[in-house]
PDB file of N, CA and C in Angstrom:
ATOM      1  N   MET A   1      70.148 178.343  67.254  1.00  0.00           N
ATOM      2  CA  MET A   1      68.764 177.447  66.952  1.00  0.00           C
ATOM      3  C   MET A   1      68.976 177.045  65.146  1.00  0.00           C
ATOM      4  N   LEU A   2      70.000 177.571  64.657  1.00  0.00           N
ATOM      5  CA  LEU A   2      70.372 176.894  63.306  1.00  0.00           C
ATOM      6  C   LEU A   2      71.017 175.465  63.652  1.00  0.00           C
ATOM      7  N   ARG A   3      71.755 175.327  64.445  1.00  0.00           N
ATOM      8  CA  ARG A   3      72.542 174.024  64.780  1.00  0.00           C
ATOM      9  C   ARG A   3      71.500 172.846  65.332  1.00  0.00           C
ATOM     10  N   PHE A   4      70.584 173.368  65.961  1.00  0.00           N
ATOM     11  CA  PHE A   4      69.662 172.811  67.072  1.00  0.00           C
ATOM     12  C   PHE A   4      69.068 171.469  66.308  1.00  0.00           C
ATOM     13  N   ARG A   5      68.273 171.736  65.472  1.00  0.00           N
ATOM     14  CA  ARG A   5      67.776 170.237  64.487  1.00  0.00           C
ATOM     15  C   ARG A   5      68.546 169.285  64.264  1.00  0.00           C
ATOM     16  N   PRO A   6      70.012 169.520  63.623  1.00  0.00           N
ATOM     17  CA  PRO A   6      70.807 168.498  63.226  1.00  0.00           C
ATOM     18  C   PRO A   6      71.191 167.874  64.064  1.00  0.00           C
ATOM     19  N   ILE A   7      71.476 168.306  65.453  1.00  0.00           N
ATOM     20  CA  ILE A   7      72.026 168.003  66.567  1.00  0.00           C
ATOM     21  C   ILE A   7      70.918 166.903  66.873  1.00  0.00           C
ATOM     22  N   LEU A   8      69.932 167.171  67.414  1.00  0.00           N
ATOM     23  CA  LEU A   8      69.358 166.567  67.794  1.00  0.00           C
ATOM     24  C   LEU A   8      68.370 165.451  67.178  1.00  0.00           C
ATOM     25  N   MET A   9      68.394 165.674  65.638  1.00  0.00           N
ATOM     26  CA  MET A   9      68.351 164.309  64.933  1.00  0.00           C
ATOM     27  C   MET A   9      69.635 163.382  64.884  1.00  0.00           C
ATOM     28  N   THR A  10      70.385 163.778  64.541  1.00  0.00           N
ATOM     29  CA  THR A  10      71.422 162.934  64.971  1.00  0.00           C
ATOM     30  C   THR A  10      71.577 162.238  66.479  1.00  0.00           C
ATOM     31  N   THR A  11      71.292 162.876  67.399  1.00  0.00           N
ATOM     32  CA  THR A  11      71.268 162.072  68.621  1.00  0.00           C
ATOM     33  C   THR A  11      70.088 161.172  68.751  1.00  0.00           C
ATOM     34  N   MET A  12      68.774 161.588  68.073  1.00  0.00           N
ATOM     35  CA  MET A  12      68.132 160.558  68.272  1.00  0.00           C
ATOM     36  C   MET A  12      67.952 159.638  67.252  1.00  0.00           C
ATOM     37  N   ALA A  13      68.693 159.781  66.465  1.00  0.00           N
ATOM     38  CA  ALA A  13      69.071 158.114  65.422  1.00  0.00           C
ATOM     39  C   ALA A  13      70.158 157.674  66.128  1.00  0.00           C
ATOM     40  N   ALA A  14      70.925 157.774  66.855  1.00  0.00           N
ATOM     41  CA  ALA A  14      72.007 157.027  67.649  1.00  0.00           C
ATOM     42  C   ALA A  14      71.184 156.368  68.520  1.00  0.00           C
ATOM     43  N   MET A  15      70.518 157.162  69.187  1.00  0.00           N
ATOM     44  CA  MET A  15      69.654 156.590  70.873  1.00  0.00           C
ATOM     45  C   MET A  15      68.729 155.564  70.019  1.00  0.00           C
ATOM     46  N   LEU A  16      67.718 155.555  69.077  1.00  0.00           N
ATOM     47  CA  LEU A  16      66.982 154.739  68.281  1.00  0.00           C
ATOM     48  C   LEU A  16      67.732 153.510  67.955  1.00  0.00           C
ATOM     49  N   GLY A  17      68.797 154.035  67.354  1.00  0.00           N
ATOM     50  CA  GLY A  17      69.753 152.541  66.888  1.00  0.00           C
ATOM     51  C   GLY A  17      69.950 151.641  67.930  1.00  0.00           C
ATOM     52  N   GLY A  18      70.535 152.240  69.311  1.00  0.00           N
ATOM     53  CA  GLY A  18      70.752 151.533  70.370  1.00  0.00           C
ATOM     54  C   GLY A  18      69.261 150.785  71.127  1.00  0.00           C
ATOM     55  N   ALA A  19      68.466 151.184  70.821  1.00  0.00           N
ATOM     56  CA  ALA A  19      67.373 150.823  71.678  1.00  0.00           C
ATOM     57  C   ALA A  19      67.047 149.379  71.447  1.00  0.00           C
ATOM     58  N   PRO A  20      67.401 148.643  70.432  1.00  0.00           N
ATOM     59  CA  PRO A  20      67.154 147.353  70.478  1.00  0.00           C
ATOM     60  C   PRO A  20      68.067 146.631  71.048  1.00  0.00           C
ATOM     61  N   LEU A  21      69.623 147.047  71.445  1.00  0.00           N
ATOM     62  CA  LEU A  21      70.174 146.595  71.911  1.00  0.00           C
ATOM     63  C   LEU A  21      69.971 146.665  73.591  1.00  0.00           C
ATOM     64  N   MET A  22      68.793 147.698  73.897  1.00  0.00           N
ATOM     65  CA  MET A  22      68.346 147.880  75.388  1.00  0.00           C
ATOM     66  C   MET A  22      67.185 147.044  75.473  1.00  0.00           C
ATOM     67  N   LEU A  23      66.535 147.160  74.465  1.00  0.00           N
ATOM     68  CA  LEU A  23      65.403 146.245  74.830  1.00  0.00           C
ATOM     69  C   LEU A  23      65.260 144.827  74.510  1.00  0.00           C
ATOM     70  N   GLY A  24      66.135 144.277  73.699  1.00  0.00           N
ATOM     71  CA  GLY A  24      66.339 142.920  73.005  1.00  0.00           C
ATOM     72  C   GLY A  24      66.288 141.601  74.082  1.00  0.00           C
ATOM     73  N   HIS A  25      65.550 140.845  73.189  1.00  0.00           N
ATOM     74  CA  HIS A  25      65.600 139.833  74.251  1.00  0.00           C
ATOM     75  C   HIS A  25      65.588 138.127  73.297  1.00  0.00           C
ATOM     76  N   ALA A  26      66.672 138.764  72.591  1.00  0.00           N
ATOM     77  CA  ALA A  26      66.981 137.385  71.878  1.00  0.00           C
ATOM     78  C   ALA A  26      68.271 136.434  72.569  1.00  0.00           C
ATOM     79  N   VAL A  27      68.939 135.288  71.853  1.00  0.00           N
ATOM     80  CA  VAL A  27      69.792 134.895  72.401  1.00  0.00           C
ATOM     81  C   VAL A  27      70.924 135.862  72.574  1.00  0.00           C
ATOM     82  N   GLY A  28      71.541 135.561  73.829  1.00  0.00           N
ATOM     83  CA  GLY A  28      72.916 136.458  74.152  1.00  0.00           C
ATOM     84  C   GLY A  28      72.489 137.926  74.678  1.00  0.00           C
ATOM     85  N   TYR A  29      71.019 138.153  74.695  1.00  0.00           N
ATOM     86  CA  TYR A  29      70.730 139.628  75.185  1.00  0.00           C
ATOM     87  C   TYR A  29      71.532 139.963  76.488  1.00  0.00           C
ATOM     88  N   GLU A  30      71.770 139.371  77.393  1.00  0.00           N
ATOM     89  CA  GLU A  30      72.479 139.502  78.435  1.00  0.00           C
ATOM     90  C   GLU A  30      73.628 140.433  78.582  1.00  0.00           C
ATOM     91  N   ILE A  31      74.408 139.943  77.479  1.00  0.00           N
ATOM     92  CA  ILE A  31      75.749 140.437  77.257  1.00  0.00           C
ATOM     93  C   ILE A  31      75.617 141.637  76.368  1.00  0.00           C
ATOM     94  N   ARG A  32      74.612 141.944  75.643  1.00  0.00           N
ATOM     95  CA  ARG A  32      74.841 143.175  74.866  1.00  0.00           C
ATOM     96  C   ARG A  32      73.375 144.058  75.483  1.00  0.00           C
ATOM     97  N   GLN A  33      72.660 143.866  76.447  1.00  0.00           N
ATOM     98  CA  GLN A  33      72.155 145.053  77.150  1.00  0.00           C
ATOM     99  C   GLN A  33      72.316 145.954  77.699  1.00  0.00           C
ATOM    100  N   PRO A  34      73.655 145.771  78.349  1.00  0.00           N
ATOM    101  CA  PRO A  34      74.143 146.973  79.032  1.00  0.00           C
ATOM    102  C   PRO A  34      75.117 147.870  78.262  1.00  0.00           C
ATOM    103  N   LEU A  35      75.377 147.122  76.999  1.00  0.00           N
ATOM    104  CA  LEU A  35      75.505 147.904  76.059  1.00  0.00           C
ATOM    105  C   LEU A  35      75.132 149.042  75.457  1.00  0.00           C
ATOM    106  N   GLY A  36      73.427 148.604  75.259  1.00  0.00           N
ATOM    107  CA  GLY A  36      72.265 149.535  75.075  1.00  0.00           C
ATOM    108  C   GLY A  36      72.041 150.271  75.812  1.00  0.00           C
ATOM    109  N   TYR A  37      72.282 149.982  76.987  1.00  0.00           N
ATOM    110  CA  TYR A  37      72.161 151.162  78.513  1.00  0.00           C
ATOM    111  C   TYR A  37      72.904 152.412  78.408  1.00  0.00           C
ATOM    112  N   ALA A  38      74.313 151.803  78.437  1.00  0.00           N
ATOM    113  CA  ALA A  38      75.319 152.499  78.145  1.00  0.00           C
ATOM    114  C   ALA A  38      75.310 153.434  77.362  1.00  0.00           C
ATOM    115  N   MET A  39      74.991 153.126  76.038  1.00  0.00           N
ATOM    116  CA  MET A  39      74.714 154.033  74.881  1.00  0.00           C
ATOM    117  C   MET A  39      74.062 154.784  74.850  1.00  0.00           C
ATOM    118  N   VAL A  40      72.778 154.235  74.925  1.00  0.00           N
ATOM    119  CA  VAL A  40      71.448 154.925  75.149  1.00  0.00           C
ATOM    120  C   VAL A  40      71.312 156.329  76.574  1.00  0.00           C
ATOM    121  N   GLY A  41      71.856 155.926  77.425  1.00  0.00           N
ATOM    122  CA  GLY A  41      72.173 156.566  78.734  1.00  0.00           C
ATOM    123  C   GLY A  41      72.902 157.855  78.601  1.00  0.00           C
ATOM    124  N   GLY A  42      74.132 157.378  77.884  1.00  0.00           N
ATOM    125  CA  GLY A  42      75.561 158.110  77.663  1.00  0.00           C
ATOM    126  C   GLY A  42      74.835 159.427  76.543  1.00  0.00           C
ATOM    127  N   LEU A  43      74.268 158.930  75.678  1.00  0.00           N
ATOM    128  CA  LEU A  43      73.706 160.023  74.390  1.00  0.00           C
ATOM    129  C   LEU A  43      72.856 160.887  74.781  1.00  0.00           C
ATOM    130  N   PHE A  44      71.916 160.039  76.087  1.00  0.00           N
ATOM    131  CA  PHE A  44      70.931 161.437  76.747  1.00  0.00           C
ATOM    132  C   PHE A  44      71.535 162.664  77.523  1.00  0.00           C
ATOM    133  N   VAL A  45      72.354 161.999  78.060  1.00  0.00           N
ATOM    134  CA  VAL A  45      73.166 163.104  79.546  1.00  0.00           C
ATOM    135  C   VAL A  45      73.727 163.655  78.352  1.00  0.00           C
ATOM    136  N   SER A  46      74.563 163.067  77.469  1.00  0.00           N
ATOM    137  CA  SER A  46      75.611 164.393  76.835  1.00  0.00           C
ATOM    138  C   SER A  46      74.527 165.469  75.953  1.00  0.00           C
ATOM    139  N   GLN A  47      73.382 164.857  75.274  1.00  0.00           N
ATOM    140  CA  GLN A  47      72.353 165.892  74.485  1.00  0.00           C
ATOM    141  C   GLN A  47      71.920 166.689  75.368  1.00  0.00           C
ATOM    142  N   ILE A  48      71.311 166.538  76.805  1.00  0.00           N
ATOM    143  CA  ILE A  48      71.063 167.656  77.613  1.00  0.00           C
ATOM    144  C   ILE A  48      72.191 168.383  78.126  1.00  0.00           C
ATOM    145  N   LEU A  49      73.476 167.763  78.695  1.00  0.00           N
ATOM    146  CA  LEU A  49      74.233 168.725  78.726  1.00  0.00           C
ATOM    147  C   LEU A  49      74.602 169.805  77.342  1.00  0.00           C
ATOM    148  N   THR A  50      74.650 169.001  76.373  1.00  0.00           N
ATOM    149  CA  THR A  50      74.977 170.086  75.275  1.00  0.00           C
ATOM    150  C   THR A  50      73.785 171.190  75.153  1.00  0.00           C
ATOM    151  N   LEU A  51      72.589 171.026  75.166  1.00  0.00           N
ATOM    152  CA  LEU A  51      71.850 172.071  75.091  1.00  0.00           C
ATOM    153  C   LEU A  51      71.661 173.172  76.023  1.00  0.00           C
ATOM    154  N   PHE A  52      71.838 172.502  77.376  1.00  0.00           N
ATOM    155  CA  PHE A  52      72.573 173.484  78.337  1.00  0.00           C
ATOM    156  C   PHE A  52      73.322 174.427  78.905  1.00  0.00           C
ATOM    157  N   THR A  53      74.802 173.738  78.465  1.00  0.00           N
ATOM    158  CA  THR A  53      75.666 174.341  78.576  1.00  0.00           C
ATOM    159  C   THR A  53      76.542 174.953  77.388  1.00  0.00           C
ATOM    160  N   THR A  54      76.076 174.782  76.109  1.00  0.00           N
ATOM    161  CA  THR A  54      76.647 175.484  75.087  1.00  0.00           C
ATOM    162  C   THR A  54      75.921 176.928  75.081  1.00  0.00           C
ATOM    163  N   PRO A  55      74.475 176.967  75.362  1.00  0.00           N
ATOM    164  CA  PRO A  55      74.476 178.692  75.620  1.00  0.00           C
ATOM    165  C   PRO A  55      74.932 179.248  76.598  1.00  0.00           C
ATOM    166  N   VAL A  56      75.071 178.776  77.815  1.00  0.00           N
ATOM    167  CA  VAL A  56      76.020 179.388  78.661  1.00  0.00           C
ATOM    168  C   VAL A  56      77.255 179.828  78.599  1.00  0.00           C
ATOM    169  N   VAL A  57      78.017 178.572  77.861  1.00  0.00           N
ATOM    170  CA  VAL A  57      79.120 179.347  77.331  1.00  0.00           C
ATOM    171  C   VAL A  57      79.374 180.292  76.450  1.00  0.00           C
ATOM    172  N   TYR A  58      78.773 180.217  75.758  1.00  0.00           N
ATOM    173  CA  TYR A  58      78.519 181.353  74.508  1.00  0.00           C
ATOM    174  C   TYR A  58      78.207 182.839  75.519  1.00  0.00           C
ATOM    175  N   LEU A  59      77.471 182.808  76.240  1.00  0.00           N
ATOM    176  CA  LEU A  59      76.712 183.961  77.155  1.00  0.00           C
ATOM    177  C   LEU A  59      78.310 184.336  78.023  1.00  0.00           C
ATOM    178  N   TYR A  60      78.707 183.360  78.573  1.00  0.00           N
ATOM    179  CA  TYR A  60      79.779 183.756  79.392  1.00  0.00           C
ATOM    180  C   TYR A  60      80.887 184.521  78.144  1.00  0.00           C
ATOM    181  N   LEU A  61      81.286 183.800  76.955  1.00  0.00           N
ATOM    182  CA  LEU A  61      82.327 184.208  76.485  1.00  0.00           C
ATOM    183  C   LEU A  61      81.765 185.866  75.887  1.00  0.00           C
ATOM    184  N   ASP A  62      80.623 185.866  75.677  1.00  0.00           N
ATOM    185  CA  ASP A  62      79.938 187.426  75.089  1.00  0.00           C
ATOM    186  C   ASP A  62      80.169 188.057  76.503  1.00  0.00           C
ATOM    187  N   ARG A  63      80.309 187.714  77.219  1.00  0.00           N
ATOM    188  CA  ARG A  63      79.972 188.951  78.486  1.00  0.00           C
ATOM    189  C   ARG A  63      81.910 188.999  78.879  1.00  0.00           C
ATOM    190  N   LEU A  64      82.873 188.060  78.759  1.00  0.00           N
ATOM    191  CA  LEU A  64      84.089 188.336  78.860  1.00  0.00           C
ATOM    192  C   LEU A  64      84.396 188.917  77.671  1.00  0.00           C
ATOM    193  N   GLY A  65      83.976 188.920  76.368  1.00  0.00           N
ATOM    194  CA  GLY A  65      84.552 189.805  75.133  1.00  0.00           C
ATOM    195  C   GLY A  65      84.011 191.298  75.293  1.00  0.00           C
ATOM    196  N   ARG A  66      82.958 191.526  76.242  1.00  0.00           N
ATOM    197  CA  ARG A  66      82.717 192.798  76.712  1.00  0.00           C
ATOM    198  C   ARG A  66      83.785 193.567  77.575  1.00  0.00           C
ATOM    199  N   LEU A  67      83.590 192.752  78.745  1.00  0.00           N
ATOM    200  CA  LEU A  67      84.625 193.449  79.199  1.00  0.00           C
ATOM    201  C   LEU A  67      86.156 193.154  79.159  1.00  0.00           C
ATOM    202  N   LEU A  68      86.941 192.571  78.168  1.00  0.00           N
ATOM    203  CA  LEU A  68      88.040 192.662  77.778  1.00  0.00           C
ATOM    204  C   LEU A  68      88.396 193.788  76.499  1.00  0.00           C
ATOM    205  N   GLY A  69      87.379 193.996  75.441  1.00  0.00           N
ATOM    206  CA  GLY A  69      87.108 194.459  74.407  1.00  0.00           C
ATOM    207  C   GLY A  69      86.216 195.704  74.425  1.00  0.00           C
ATOM    208  N   GLY A  70      85.723 195.914  75.674  1.00  0.00           N
ATOM    209  CA  GLY A  70      84.921 197.383  75.854  1.00  0.00           C
ATOM    210  C   GLY A  70      83.569 197.209  75.479  1.00  0.00           C
ATOM    211  N   GLU A  71      82.690 198.280  75.405  1.00  0.00           N
ATOM    212  CA  GLU A  71      81.565 197.939  74.587  1.00  0.00           C
ATOM    213  C   GLU A  71      81.280 198.051  73.467  1.00  0.00           C
ATOM    214  N   ARG A  72      82.409 198.732  72.549  1.00  0.00           N
ATOM    215  CA  ARG A  72      82.086 198.523  71.272  1.00  0.00           C
ATOM    216  C   ARG A  72      81.897 197.080  70.810  1.00  0.00           C
ATOM    217  N   ALA A  73      82.701 196.766  71.154  1.00  0.00           N
ATOM    218  CA  ALA A  73      82.786 194.991  70.278  1.00  0.00           C
ATOM    219  C   ALA A  73      81.235 194.483  70.199  1.00  0.00           C
ATOM    220  N   ALA A  74      80.245 194.850  71.491  1.00  0.00           N
ATOM    221  CA  ALA A  74      79.048 194.548  71.541  1.00  0.00           C
ATOM    222  C   ALA A  74      77.912 195.402  71.028  1.00  0.00           C
ATOM    223  N   GLN A  75      78.648 196.384  70.586  1.00  0.00           N
ATOM    224  CA  GLN A  75      77.439 197.284  69.588  1.00  0.00           C
ATOM    225  C   GLN A  75      78.076 197.171  68.409  1.00  0.00           C
ATOM    226  N   PRO A  76      77.555 196.571  67.461  1.00  0.00           N
ATOM    227  CA  PRO A  76      77.836 196.826  66.173  1.00  0.00           C
ATOM    228  C   PRO A  76      78.157 197.922  65.163  1.00  0.00           C
ATOM    229  N   GLY A  77      76.776 198.448  65.456  1.00  0.00           N
ATOM    230  CA  GLY A  77      76.134 199.858  64.882  1.00  0.00           C
ATOM    231  C   GLY A  77      76.808 201.155  65.271  1.00  0.00           C
ATOM    232  N   ALA A  78      77.821 200.638  66.365  1.00  0.00           N
ATOM    233  CA  ALA A  78      78.164 202.053  66.997  1.00  0.00           C
ATOM    234  C   ALA A  78      79.575 202.321  66.037  1.00  0.00           C
ATOM    235  N   ALA A  79      79.956 201.771  65.410  1.00  0.00           N
ATOM    236  CA  ALA A  79      81.391 202.157  64.726  1.00  0.00           C
ATOM    237  C   ALA A  79      80.867 202.948  63.542  1.00  0.00           C
ATOM    238  N   ALA A  80      79.978 202.656  62.752  1.00  0.00           N
ATOM    239  CA  ALA A  80      79.210 203.625  61.780  1.00  0.00           C
ATOM    240  C   ALA A  80      78.527 204.527  62.128  1.00  0.00           C
ATOM    241  N   ALA A  81      78.012 204.635  63.173  1.00  0.00           N
ATOM    242  CA  ALA A  81      77.965 206.272  63.776  1.00  0.00           C
ATOM    243  C   ALA A  81      78.688 207.223  63.727  1.00  0.00           C
ATOM    244  N   GLU A  82      79.997 206.825  64.259  1.00  0.00           N
ATOM    245  CA  GLU A  82      80.899 207.706  64.760  1.00  0.00           C
ATOM    246  C   GLU A  82      81.397 208.095  63.071  1.00  0.00           C
TER     247      GLU A  82
END
């Protein structure tokens, strides 16, 4: 949750920066418009993948650490109680 806001703000700033490329109708827009679509679409897809896959990877790594290191790694207060 600590890193969610900066990641979202950076992606949104880049997407909004690409919006004029995507939506513009000035001279020569037909050359720059596909770049805008690719940029905004790529940022959107990467943001969705980042928000959904990063927590899943952390959960799997935590589960792997528990399997390899035993249950003591999952319980930080267990060492103090012994």
